[in-house]
Amino acid sequence: MQPTPKQAISAIRVCAQLTRVYKGIDLVRLDERIRNVYILANNSIEAEVTSTGEILWS
């Protein structure tokens, strides 16, 4: 399963924003059950990207 085009662009944007503030990206994972991309940085979930490309920061 692959992310949607909007989701992929948003995920890259999140990773770029995190690295600009010197946070290392530990994991980027697509949850196949609910189709959201989770981005783990500094051992905590920093962002979730929905299939529509919406970014949910935690």
N, C-alpha and C. Protein backbone atom coordinates (compact mmCIF):
# COMPACT_ATOMS: atom_id res chain seq x y z
N MET A 1 0.84 -1.17 0.00
CA MET A 1 0.00 0.00 0.00
C MET A 1 0.89 1.24 0.00
N GLN A 2 0.50 2.24 -0.74
CA GLN A 2 1.27 3.48 -0.84
C GLN A 2 0.44 4.66 -0.38
N PRO A 3 1.11 5.72 0.06
CA PRO A 3 0.37 6.92 0.45
C PRO A 3 -0.23 7.61 -0.77
N THR A 4 -1.26 8.41 -0.53
CA THR A 4 -1.84 9.19 -1.61
C THR A 4 -0.86 10.29 -2.00
N PRO A 5 -0.98 10.86 -3.19
CA PRO A 5 -0.05 11.94 -3.58
C PRO A 5 -0.06 13.11 -2.60
N LYS A 6 -1.23 13.55 -2.16
CA LYS A 6 -1.31 14.67 -1.20
C LYS A 6 -0.66 14.29 0.13
N GLN A 7 -0.86 13.05 0.54
CA GLN A 7 -0.30 12.56 1.79
C GLN A 7 1.23 12.50 1.71
N ALA A 8 1.75 12.05 0.59
CA ALA A 8 3.19 11.96 0.41
C ALA A 8 3.84 13.35 0.45
N ILE A 9 3.24 14.31 -0.21
CA ILE A 9 3.78 15.68 -0.22
C ILE A 9 3.74 16.27 1.19
N SER A 10 2.64 16.06 1.90
CA SER A 10 2.53 16.58 3.27
C SER A 10 3.55 15.92 4.19
N ALA A 11 3.77 14.63 4.03
CA ALA A 11 4.74 13.92 4.86
C ALA A 11 6.15 14.45 4.62
N ILE A 12 6.50 14.71 3.38
CA ILE A 12 7.81 15.29 3.08
C ILE A 12 7.93 16.68 3.69
N ARG A 13 6.86 17.44 3.62
CA ARG A 13 6.86 18.78 4.21
C ARG A 13 7.09 18.71 5.72
N VAL A 14 6.43 17.77 6.40
CA VAL A 14 6.61 17.60 7.85
C VAL A 14 8.05 17.24 8.17
N CYS A 15 8.61 16.29 7.43
CA CYS A 15 9.99 15.88 7.67
C CYS A 15 10.95 17.04 7.47
N ALA A 16 10.71 17.85 6.46
CA ALA A 16 11.57 19.02 6.22
C ALA A 16 11.45 20.02 7.37
N GLN A 17 10.24 20.24 7.86
CA GLN A 17 10.05 21.18 8.97
C GLN A 17 10.75 20.68 10.23
N LEU A 18 10.66 19.39 10.48
CA LEU A 18 11.29 18.84 11.68
C LEU A 18 12.81 18.92 11.60
N THR A 19 13.37 18.65 10.44
CA THR A 19 14.83 18.70 10.33
C THR A 19 15.35 20.13 10.35
N ARG A 20 14.52 21.09 9.96
CA ARG A 20 14.95 22.49 10.05
C ARG A 20 15.20 22.92 11.49
N VAL A 21 14.48 22.31 12.43
CA VAL A 21 14.69 22.63 13.85
C VAL A 21 15.53 21.55 14.52
N TYR A 22 16.30 20.82 13.72
CA TYR A 22 17.29 19.85 14.19
C TYR A 22 16.69 18.70 14.99
N LYS A 23 15.50 18.26 14.61
CA LYS A 23 14.93 17.04 15.20
C LYS A 23 15.18 15.90 14.24
N GLY A 24 15.76 14.83 14.74
CA GLY A 24 16.03 13.68 13.90
C GLY A 24 14.76 12.88 13.65
N ILE A 25 14.58 12.41 12.45
CA ILE A 25 13.43 11.59 12.10
C ILE A 25 13.79 10.15 12.44
N ASP A 26 13.04 9.53 13.35
CA ASP A 26 13.29 8.16 13.75
C ASP A 26 12.54 7.15 12.89
N LEU A 27 11.32 7.49 12.48
CA LEU A 27 10.49 6.54 11.76
C LEU A 27 9.40 7.26 10.98
N VAL A 28 9.15 6.79 9.78
CA VAL A 28 8.00 7.23 8.98
C VAL A 28 7.26 5.96 8.60
N ARG A 29 6.00 5.86 8.99
CA ARG A 29 5.27 4.61 8.80
C ARG A 29 3.85 4.87 8.33
N LEU A 30 3.41 4.10 7.33
CA LEU A 30 2.03 4.16 6.85
C LEU A 30 1.24 3.08 7.57
N ASP A 31 0.25 3.48 8.35
CA ASP A 31 -0.63 2.53 9.02
C ASP A 31 -1.65 2.04 8.00
N GLU A 32 -1.58 0.78 7.63
CA GLU A 32 -2.44 0.24 6.58
C GLU A 32 -3.88 0.09 7.01
N ARG A 33 -4.14 0.07 8.33
CA ARG A 33 -5.53 -0.06 8.80
C ARG A 33 -6.33 1.21 8.57
N ILE A 34 -5.75 2.34 8.94
CA ILE A 34 -6.49 3.60 8.80
C ILE A 34 -5.88 4.53 7.76
N ARG A 35 -4.80 4.08 7.11
CA ARG A 35 -4.16 4.78 5.99
C ARG A 35 -3.57 6.13 6.37
N ASN A 36 -3.11 6.29 7.60
CA ASN A 36 -2.45 7.52 8.01
C ASN A 36 -0.95 7.28 8.08
N VAL A 37 -0.18 8.32 7.81
CA VAL A 37 1.27 8.26 7.93
C VAL A 37 1.64 8.85 9.29
N TYR A 38 2.45 8.11 10.04
CA TYR A 38 2.92 8.57 11.34
C TYR A 38 4.40 8.91 11.21
N ILE A 39 4.78 10.04 11.76
CA ILE A 39 6.17 10.46 11.73
C ILE A 39 6.65 10.58 13.16
N LEU A 40 7.64 9.76 13.48
CA LEU A 40 8.22 9.71 14.81
C LEU A 40 9.55 10.45 14.80
N ALA A 41 9.66 11.43 15.68
CA ALA A 41 10.90 12.21 15.79
C ALA A 41 11.21 12.38 17.27
N ASN A 42 12.46 12.17 17.61
CA ASN A 42 12.90 12.29 19.01
C ASN A 42 12.08 11.40 19.95
N ASN A 43 11.79 10.19 19.51
CA ASN A 43 11.10 9.15 20.30
C ASN A 43 9.68 9.50 20.72
N SER A 44 9.01 10.37 19.99
CA SER A 44 7.59 10.63 20.24
C SER A 44 6.93 10.94 18.90
N ILE A 45 5.66 10.63 18.79
CA ILE A 45 4.97 10.91 17.53
C ILE A 45 4.80 12.42 17.42
N GLU A 46 5.39 12.97 16.41
CA GLU A 46 5.34 14.41 16.20
C GLU A 46 4.18 14.79 15.28
N ALA A 47 3.88 13.94 14.29
CA ALA A 47 2.85 14.30 13.32
C ALA A 47 2.17 13.07 12.76
N GLU A 48 0.94 13.28 12.37
CA GLU A 48 0.15 12.26 11.69
C GLU A 48 -0.41 12.92 10.43
N VAL A 49 -0.29 12.25 9.30
CA VAL A 49 -0.77 12.81 8.04
C VAL A 49 -1.91 11.92 7.55
N THR A 50 -3.09 12.53 7.40
CA THR A 50 -4.26 11.78 6.95
C THR A 50 -4.18 11.53 5.43
N SER A 51 -5.08 10.70 4.94
CA SER A 51 -5.06 10.37 3.50
C SER A 51 -5.40 11.58 2.63
N THR A 52 -6.00 12.61 3.20
CA THR A 52 -6.30 13.83 2.45
C THR A 52 -5.14 14.82 2.47
N GLY A 53 -4.09 14.49 3.23
CA GLY A 53 -2.93 15.37 3.31
C GLY A 53 -2.95 16.31 4.50
N GLU A 54 -3.97 16.20 5.34
CA GLU A 54 -4.05 17.05 6.53
C GLU A 54 -3.00 16.62 7.54
N ILE A 55 -2.32 17.59 8.13
CA ILE A 55 -1.26 17.31 9.11
C ILE A 55 -1.81 17.56 10.49
N LEU A 56 -1.70 16.54 11.34
CA LEU A 56 -2.14 16.64 12.73
C LEU A 56 -0.89 16.55 13.60
N TRP A 57 -0.52 17.67 14.22
CA TRP A 57 0.66 17.72 15.09
C TRP A 57 0.29 17.30 16.48
N SER A 58 1.19 16.61 17.16
CA SER A 58 0.92 16.21 18.55
C SER A 58 1.96 16.77 19.48
